[in-house]
C-alpha atoms as a PDB file:
ATOM      1  CA  UNK A   1      95.771  96.125  91.464  1.00  0.00           C
ATOM      2  CA  UNK A   2      92.754  96.706  93.785  1.00  0.00           C
ATOM      3  CA  UNK A   3      94.280  98.197  96.574  1.00  0.00           C
ATOM      4  CA  UNK A   4      95.141 102.194  96.801  1.00  0.00           C
ATOM      5  CA  UNK A   5      97.334 103.214  99.692  1.00  0.00           C
ATOM      6  CA  UNK A   6      97.964 106.743 100.087  1.00  0.00           C
ATOM      7  CA  UNK A   7     100.451 107.852 101.818  1.00  0.00           C
ATOM      8  CA  UNK A   8     103.479 109.954 102.544  1.00  0.00           C
ATOM      9  CA  UNK A   9     107.130 108.749 102.875  1.00  0.00           C
ATOM     10  CA  UNK A  10     108.199 110.361 106.116  1.00  0.00           C
ATOM     11  CA  UNK A  11     104.679 109.583 107.993  1.00  0.00           C
ATOM     12  CA  UNK A  12     105.198 106.881 110.257  1.00  0.00           C
ATOM     13  CA  UNK A  13     102.022 105.835 110.667  1.00  0.00           C
ATOM     14  CA  UNK A  14     101.814 105.331 106.621  1.00  0.00           C
ATOM     15  CA  UNK A  15     105.490 103.491 107.365  1.00  0.00           C
ATOM     16  CA  UNK A  16     103.760 101.048 109.751  1.00  0.00           C
ATOM     17  CA  UNK A  17     100.952 100.135 107.324  1.00  0.00           C
ATOM     18  CA  UNK A  18     103.297  99.673 104.246  1.00  0.00           C
ATOM     19  CA  UNK A  19     105.597  97.403 106.634  1.00  0.00           C
ATOM     20  CA  UNK A  20     102.273  95.660 107.134  1.00  0.00           C
ATOM     21  CA  UNK A  21     101.310  95.080 103.676  1.00  0.00           C
ATOM     22  CA  UNK A  22     104.814  93.862 102.506  1.00  0.00           C
ATOM     23  CA  UNK A  23     104.948  91.467 105.035  1.00  0.00           C
ATOM     24  CA  UNK A  24     101.841  89.730 104.270  1.00  0.00           C
ATOM     25  CA  UNK A  25     102.702  90.418 100.775  1.00  0.00           C
ATOM     26  CA  UNK A  26      99.254  91.961  99.630  1.00  0.00           C
ATOM     27  CA  UNK A  27      99.778  93.744  96.251  1.00  0.00           C
ATOM     28  CA  UNK A  28      98.630  97.139  96.805  1.00  0.00           C
ATOM     29  CA  UNK A  29      99.468 100.324  94.315  1.00  0.00           C
ATOM     30  CA  UNK A  30     101.228 103.129  96.405  1.00  0.00           C
ATOM     31  CA  UNK A  31      99.756 106.976  95.858  1.00  0.00           C
ATOM     32  CA  UNK A  32     102.072 109.984  97.206  1.00  0.00           C
ATOM     33  CA  UNK A  33      99.660 112.084  98.902  1.00  0.00           C
ATOM     34  CA  UNK A  34     101.732 116.009  98.243  1.00  0.00           C
ATOM     35  CA  UNK A  35     101.608 117.319 102.217  1.00  0.00           C
ATOM     36  CA  UNK A  36     104.227 119.977 101.583  1.00  0.00           C
ATOM     37  CA  UNK A  37     101.757 121.341  99.137  1.00  0.00           C
ATOM     38  CA  UNK A  38      98.927 120.660 101.305  1.00  0.00           C
ATOM     39  CA  UNK A  39      97.116 118.183  98.734  1.00  0.00           C
ATOM     40  CA  UNK A  40      95.781 116.378 101.847  1.00  0.00           C
ATOM     41  CA  UNK A  41      93.698 119.341 102.722  1.00  0.00           C
ATOM     42  CA  UNK A  42      91.973 119.772  99.190  1.00  0.00           C
ATOM     43  CA  UNK A  43      89.462 117.919  97.249  1.00  0.00           C
ATOM     44  CA  UNK A  44      89.271 114.817  95.931  1.00  0.00           C
ATOM     45  CA  UNK A  45      91.562 113.502  99.148  1.00  0.00           C
ATOM     46  CA  UNK A  46      88.995 115.151 101.406  1.00  0.00           C
ATOM     47  CA  UNK A  47      86.649 112.887  99.935  1.00  0.00           C
ATOM     48  CA  UNK A  48      88.521 109.954 101.182  1.00  0.00           C
ATOM     49  CA  UNK A  49      89.761 110.877 104.595  1.00  0.00           C
ATOM     50  CA  UNK A  50      87.515 113.673 105.521  1.00  0.00           C
ATOM     51  CA  UNK A  51      90.453 114.377 108.500  1.00  0.00           C
ATOM     52  CA  UNK A  52      92.785 115.007 106.343  1.00  0.00           C
ATOM     53  CA  UNK A  53      95.640 112.615 107.194  1.00  0.00           C
ATOM     54  CA  UNK A  54      97.374 109.871 106.145  1.00  0.00           C
ATOM     55  CA  UNK A  55      97.464 106.795 105.657  1.00  0.00           C
ATOM     56  CA  UNK A  56      93.889 106.084 103.453  1.00  0.00           C
ATOM     57  CA  UNK A  57      93.522 102.491 102.148  1.00  0.00           C
ATOM     58  CA  UNK A  58      91.033 102.325  99.212  1.00  0.00           C
ATOM     59  CA  UNK A  59      89.782  99.047  97.680  1.00  0.00           C
ATOM     60  CA  UNK A  60      87.189  98.787  94.981  1.00  0.00           C
ATOM     61  CA  UNK A  61      84.708 101.947  96.601  1.00  0.00           C
ATOM     62  CA  UNK A  62      86.263 100.596  99.932  1.00  0.00           C
ATOM     63  CA  UNK A  63      87.728 103.155 101.985  1.00  0.00           C
ATOM     64  CA  UNK A  64      89.662 102.883 105.271  1.00  0.00           C
ATOM     65  CA  UNK A  65      91.274 105.444 107.151  1.00  0.00           C
ATOM     66  CA  UNK A  66      93.317 105.647 110.168  1.00  0.00           C
ATOM     67  CA  UNK A  67      96.543 103.111 110.221  1.00  0.00           C
ATOM     68  CA  UNK A  68      95.058 101.088 113.112  1.00  0.00           C
ATOM     69  CA  UNK A  69      91.897 100.020 111.059  1.00  0.00           C
ATOM     70  CA  UNK A  70      94.251  99.404 108.123  1.00  0.00           C
ATOM     71  CA  UNK A  71      96.125  97.264 110.006  1.00  0.00           C
ATOM     72  CA  UNK A  72      93.472  95.216 111.627  1.00  0.00           C
ATOM     73  CA  UNK A  73      92.133  95.162 107.965  1.00  0.00           C
ATOM     74  CA  UNK A  74      94.986  93.969 106.544  1.00  0.00           C
ATOM     75  CA  UNK A  75      95.612  91.530 109.669  1.00  0.00           C
ATOM     76  CA  UNK A  76      92.016  89.521 108.497  1.00  0.00           C
ATOM     77  CA  UNK A  77      93.077  90.130 105.111  1.00  0.00           C
ATOM     78  CA  UNK A  78      96.349  88.388 105.246  1.00  0.00           C
ATOM     79  CA  UNK A  79      94.765  85.635 107.092  1.00  0.00           C
ATOM     80  CA  UNK A  80      93.652  83.669 104.372  1.00  0.00           C
ATOM     81  CA  UNK A  81      97.095  83.337 103.366  1.00  0.00           C
ATOM     82  CA  UNK A  82      98.908  80.350 105.268  1.00  0.00           C
ATOM     83  CA  UNK A  83     102.514  80.948 105.910  1.00  0.00           C
ATOM     84  CA  UNK A  84     104.986  77.918 107.039  1.00  0.00           C
ATOM     85  CA  UNK A  85     107.789  78.437 108.988  1.00  0.00           C
ATOM     86  CA  UNK A  86     110.958  77.488 107.673  1.00  0.00           C
ATOM     87  CA  UNK A  87     112.108  73.877 108.098  1.00  0.00           C
ATOM     88  CA  UNK A  88     114.932  73.177 110.371  1.00  0.00           C
ATOM     89  CA  UNK A  89     117.039  70.312 109.313  1.00  0.00           C
ATOM     90  CA  UNK A  90     115.900  68.244 112.412  1.00  0.00           C
ATOM     91  CA  UNK A  91     112.461  68.692 111.298  1.00  0.00           C
ATOM     92  CA  UNK A  92     111.200  70.021 114.181  1.00  0.00           C
ATOM     93  CA  UNK A  93     109.188  73.548 112.919  1.00  0.00           C
ATOM     94  CA  UNK A  94     106.526  72.536 109.923  1.00  0.00           C
ATOM     95  CA  UNK A  95     103.659  73.484 111.331  1.00  0.00           C
ATOM     96  CA  UNK A  96     101.858  76.868 109.855  1.00  0.00           C
ATOM     97  CA  UNK A  97     101.816  79.917 111.954  1.00  0.00           C
END
């Protein structure tokens, strides 16, 4: 799996990124950052995210932090997939989103 998401389960910023990745069905590996033990303020995490916050996304050497940037990236990455709306019995919904 190429994407790693460093997160903490109680972080609302991490949660919104996890939801977006799940909705777009982008495969990823979750890496829990032990924030109560202050691991987010130590190396090697600070080399990924100099602010020492979660979430941080890592993909083949490319690193993104800040949830808004990660959401924008996942939006662009998810656009490669075409989703269809559910087909109704009357056949009215058959266009791509």
